[in-house]
Amino acid sequence: MADAVNVVALLLVAVSATAAVAVRDPVRQALVLSVLGVVLAVLFTALQAPDVALSQLAVGSARTPLLLLLAVHKAKRRGRKEGRHR
């Protein structure tokens, strides 16, 4: 049973990581990256590493995508401002 959970978790990690690379839109990439963080947390829990899973939930599925979204938003806003001044 545990082996099946590990295999399913690994397959989900592979699918979500591939999706994160394949998506072109930065906002959607951040959302897929968040899903990848949750899936990795599930994998770490299945591998009996709950401390790593909690860290992954905090950093990989919340903070990193949030920082990426903020950076994309600021870059788009800065691009609009520079476009007006030209």
N, C-alpha and C. Protein backbone atom coordinates (compact mmCIF):
# COMPACT_ATOMS: atom_id res chain seq x y z
N MET A 1 0.82 -1.20 0.00
CA MET A 1 0.00 0.00 0.00
C MET A 1 0.87 1.26 0.00
N ALA A 2 1.90 1.25 0.82
CA ALA A 2 2.76 2.42 0.90
C ALA A 2 3.51 2.62 -0.41
N ASP A 3 3.88 1.53 -1.05
CA ASP A 3 4.57 1.64 -2.34
C ASP A 3 3.67 2.27 -3.40
N ALA A 4 2.40 1.94 -3.37
CA ALA A 4 1.46 2.51 -4.34
C ALA A 4 1.30 4.01 -4.11
N VAL A 5 1.25 4.43 -2.86
CA VAL A 5 1.13 5.85 -2.54
C VAL A 5 2.38 6.59 -3.02
N ASN A 6 3.55 6.00 -2.81
CA ASN A 6 4.80 6.62 -3.26
C ASN A 6 4.84 6.75 -4.78
N VAL A 7 4.41 5.71 -5.48
CA VAL A 7 4.42 5.75 -6.94
C VAL A 7 3.46 6.81 -7.46
N VAL A 8 2.26 6.87 -6.89
CA VAL A 8 1.29 7.87 -7.31
C VAL A 8 1.81 9.27 -7.02
N ALA A 9 2.41 9.47 -5.85
CA ALA A 9 2.96 10.79 -5.50
C ALA A 9 4.10 11.17 -6.46
N LEU A 10 4.95 10.22 -6.79
CA LEU A 10 6.03 10.50 -7.74
C LEU A 10 5.49 10.84 -9.13
N LEU A 11 4.47 10.14 -9.56
CA LEU A 11 3.86 10.45 -10.86
C LEU A 11 3.23 11.85 -10.86
N LEU A 12 2.58 12.20 -9.75
CA LEU A 12 2.00 13.54 -9.65
C LEU A 12 3.08 14.62 -9.65
N VAL A 13 4.20 14.34 -9.00
CA VAL A 13 5.32 15.29 -9.01
C VAL A 13 5.85 15.46 -10.43
N ALA A 14 6.00 14.36 -11.14
CA ALA A 14 6.50 14.43 -12.51
C ALA A 14 5.55 15.21 -13.42
N VAL A 15 4.27 14.97 -13.28
CA VAL A 15 3.28 15.66 -14.11
C VAL A 15 3.24 17.15 -13.79
N SER A 16 3.21 17.49 -12.49
CA SER A 16 3.12 18.91 -12.14
C SER A 16 4.41 19.66 -12.44
N ALA A 17 5.56 19.02 -12.30
CA ALA A 17 6.82 19.67 -12.66
C ALA A 17 6.91 19.90 -14.16
N THR A 18 6.45 18.94 -14.94
CA THR A 18 6.43 19.11 -16.39
C THR A 18 5.47 20.23 -16.79
N ALA A 19 4.34 20.30 -16.11
CA ALA A 19 3.38 21.36 -16.40
C ALA A 19 3.95 22.73 -16.04
N ALA A 20 4.70 22.80 -14.95
CA ALA A 20 5.30 24.08 -14.55
C ALA A 20 6.29 24.57 -15.59
N VAL A 21 7.00 23.65 -16.23
CA VAL A 21 7.96 24.03 -17.26
C VAL A 21 7.25 24.34 -18.58
N ALA A 22 6.18 23.64 -18.87
CA ALA A 22 5.52 23.78 -20.16
C ALA A 22 4.64 25.02 -20.27
N VAL A 23 4.14 25.51 -19.15
CA VAL A 23 3.25 26.67 -19.18
C VAL A 23 4.05 27.92 -19.50
N ARG A 24 3.51 28.77 -20.38
CA ARG A 24 4.23 29.95 -20.84
C ARG A 24 3.91 31.21 -20.03
N ASP A 25 2.68 31.35 -19.57
CA ASP A 25 2.25 32.54 -18.85
C ASP A 25 2.83 32.54 -17.44
N PRO A 26 3.53 33.60 -17.03
CA PRO A 26 4.16 33.61 -15.70
C PRO A 26 3.18 33.48 -14.54
N VAL A 27 1.98 34.02 -14.69
CA VAL A 27 1.00 33.91 -13.62
C VAL A 27 0.56 32.46 -13.47
N ARG A 28 0.31 31.81 -14.58
CA ARG A 28 -0.08 30.39 -14.53
C ARG A 28 1.08 29.53 -14.05
N GLN A 29 2.29 29.91 -14.39
CA GLN A 29 3.46 29.17 -13.89
C GLN A 29 3.52 29.23 -12.37
N ALA A 30 3.25 30.37 -11.81
CA ALA A 30 3.26 30.51 -10.36
C ALA A 30 2.19 29.64 -9.72
N LEU A 31 1.02 29.57 -10.35
CA LEU A 31 -0.04 28.73 -9.81
C LEU A 31 0.31 27.24 -9.91
N VAL A 32 0.89 26.85 -11.03
CA VAL A 32 1.30 25.45 -11.19
C VAL A 32 2.45 25.13 -10.22
N LEU A 33 3.32 26.10 -9.98
CA LEU A 33 4.40 25.91 -9.02
C LEU A 33 3.84 25.71 -7.61
N SER A 34 2.77 26.39 -7.31
CA SER A 34 2.11 26.20 -6.02
C SER A 34 1.54 24.78 -5.90
N VAL A 35 0.93 24.31 -6.97
CA VAL A 35 0.42 22.93 -6.98
C VAL A 35 1.57 21.94 -6.82
N LEU A 36 2.67 22.21 -7.49
CA LEU A 36 3.85 21.35 -7.36
C LEU A 36 4.33 21.32 -5.91
N GLY A 37 4.31 22.45 -5.24
CA GLY A 37 4.71 22.49 -3.83
C GLY A 37 3.83 21.62 -2.95
N VAL A 38 2.53 21.66 -3.21
CA VAL A 38 1.60 20.82 -2.43
C VAL A 38 1.84 19.35 -2.72
N VAL A 39 2.05 19.01 -3.98
CA VAL A 39 2.29 17.61 -4.36
C VAL A 39 3.60 17.11 -3.74
N LEU A 40 4.62 17.97 -3.73
CA LEU A 40 5.88 17.58 -3.09
C LEU A 40 5.70 17.39 -1.59
N ALA A 41 4.87 18.22 -0.98
CA ALA A 41 4.60 18.05 0.45
C ALA A 41 3.91 16.71 0.72
N VAL A 42 3.01 16.34 -0.17
CA VAL A 42 2.36 15.02 -0.04
C VAL A 42 3.39 13.90 -0.19
N LEU A 43 4.29 14.05 -1.15
CA LEU A 43 5.34 13.04 -1.34
C LEU A 43 6.22 12.94 -0.11
N PHE A 44 6.63 14.07 0.45
CA PHE A 44 7.48 14.04 1.63
C PHE A 44 6.75 13.42 2.83
N THR A 45 5.45 13.66 2.92
CA THR A 45 4.67 13.03 3.98
C THR A 45 4.61 11.52 3.77
N ALA A 46 4.43 11.10 2.53
CA ALA A 46 4.39 9.66 2.23
C ALA A 46 5.74 9.00 2.51
N LEU A 47 6.81 9.76 2.36
CA LEU A 47 8.15 9.23 2.63
C LEU A 47 8.55 9.41 4.10
N GLN A 48 7.58 9.77 4.93
CA GLN A 48 7.74 9.90 6.38
C GLN A 48 8.76 10.98 6.76
N ALA A 49 8.62 12.13 6.12
CA ALA A 49 9.43 13.30 6.46
C ALA A 49 8.49 14.49 6.69
N PRO A 50 7.76 14.48 7.80
CA PRO A 50 6.75 15.53 8.01
C PRO A 50 7.34 16.93 8.21
N ASP A 51 8.55 17.01 8.76
CA ASP A 51 9.16 18.32 8.94
C ASP A 51 9.50 18.96 7.59
N VAL A 52 10.00 18.15 6.67
CA VAL A 52 10.31 18.64 5.33
C VAL A 52 9.01 18.99 4.61
N ALA A 53 7.97 18.20 4.83
CA ALA A 53 6.68 18.46 4.19
C ALA A 53 6.11 19.81 4.65
N LEU A 54 6.21 20.10 5.93
CA LEU A 54 5.70 21.38 6.44
C LEU A 54 6.50 22.55 5.87
N SER A 55 7.81 22.38 5.79
CA SER A 55 8.64 23.44 5.19
C SER A 55 8.28 23.63 3.72
N GLN A 56 8.05 22.54 3.01
CA GLN A 56 7.68 22.63 1.60
C GLN A 56 6.34 23.33 1.43
N LEU A 57 5.40 23.04 2.33
CA LEU A 57 4.11 23.72 2.25
C LEU A 57 4.27 25.22 2.44
N ALA A 58 5.09 25.60 3.40
CA ALA A 58 5.25 27.03 3.68
C ALA A 58 5.99 27.75 2.57
N VAL A 59 7.08 27.16 2.12
CA VAL A 59 7.94 27.85 1.15
C VAL A 59 7.53 27.54 -0.29
N GLY A 60 7.41 26.28 -0.62
CA GLY A 60 7.19 25.88 -2.01
C GLY A 60 5.81 26.13 -2.54
N SER A 61 4.81 26.10 -1.66
CA SER A 61 3.46 26.27 -2.18
C SER A 61 2.84 27.60 -1.80
N ALA A 62 3.52 28.39 -0.97
CA ALA A 62 2.94 29.68 -0.58
C ALA A 62 3.87 30.86 -0.88
N ARG A 63 5.04 30.85 -0.30
CA ARG A 63 5.89 32.04 -0.39
C ARG A 63 6.52 32.23 -1.77
N THR A 64 7.06 31.18 -2.34
CA THR A 64 7.72 31.33 -3.64
C THR A 64 6.74 31.74 -4.74
N PRO A 65 5.58 31.10 -4.88
CA PRO A 65 4.64 31.58 -5.91
C PRO A 65 4.16 33.00 -5.64
N LEU A 66 3.98 33.36 -4.36
CA LEU A 66 3.56 34.72 -4.04
C LEU A 66 4.62 35.73 -4.47
N LEU A 67 5.88 35.44 -4.19
CA LEU A 67 6.95 36.33 -4.61
C LEU A 67 7.03 36.45 -6.13
N LEU A 68 6.83 35.34 -6.83
CA LEU A 68 6.82 35.39 -8.29
C LEU A 68 5.67 36.22 -8.83
N LEU A 69 4.49 36.07 -8.24
CA LEU A 69 3.35 36.86 -8.67
C LEU A 69 3.58 38.35 -8.42
N LEU A 70 4.15 38.68 -7.27
CA LEU A 70 4.44 40.08 -6.98
C LEU A 70 5.47 40.65 -7.95
N ALA A 71 6.48 39.87 -8.27
CA ALA A 71 7.51 40.33 -9.21
C ALA A 71 6.93 40.54 -10.60
N VAL A 72 6.08 39.63 -11.06
CA VAL A 72 5.46 39.78 -12.38
C VAL A 72 4.56 41.01 -12.39
N HIS A 73 3.80 41.20 -11.32
CA HIS A 73 2.91 42.36 -11.24
C HIS A 73 3.70 43.66 -11.29
N LYS A 74 4.80 43.71 -10.53
CA LYS A 74 5.60 44.92 -10.51
C LYS A 74 6.28 45.17 -11.86
N ALA A 75 6.74 44.12 -12.51
CA ALA A 75 7.37 44.27 -13.82
C ALA A 75 6.37 44.77 -14.86
N LYS A 76 5.15 44.25 -14.83
CA LYS A 76 4.13 44.71 -15.77
C LYS A 76 3.77 46.16 -15.51
N ARG A 77 3.65 46.52 -14.23
CA ARG A 77 3.31 47.89 -13.88
C ARG A 77 4.43 48.85 -14.29
N ARG A 78 5.66 48.45 -14.08
CA ARG A 78 6.81 49.29 -14.46
C ARG A 78 6.87 49.43 -15.98
N GLY A 79 6.57 48.37 -16.70
CA GLY A 79 6.56 48.44 -18.17
C GLY A 79 5.51 49.39 -18.68
N ARG A 80 4.35 49.43 -18.04
CA ARG A 80 3.30 50.36 -18.45
C ARG A 80 3.72 51.80 -18.20
N LYS A 81 4.36 52.05 -17.05
CA LYS A 81 4.79 53.41 -16.73
C LYS A 81 5.86 53.89 -17.71
N GLU A 82 6.81 53.03 -18.06
CA GLU A 82 7.86 53.42 -19.00
C GLU A 82 7.30 53.62 -20.39
N GLY A 83 6.27 52.89 -20.74
CA GLY A 83 5.64 53.04 -22.04
C GLY A 83 4.95 54.38 -22.20
N ARG A 84 4.42 54.94 -21.12
CA ARG A 84 3.74 56.23 -21.17
C ARG A 84 4.71 57.39 -21.33
N HIS A 85 5.90 57.26 -20.75
CA HIS A 85 6.87 58.35 -20.78
C HIS A 85 7.58 58.47 -22.13
N ARG A 86 7.49 57.50 -22.96
CA ARG A 86 8.21 57.54 -24.25
C ARG A 86 7.49 58.31 -25.28
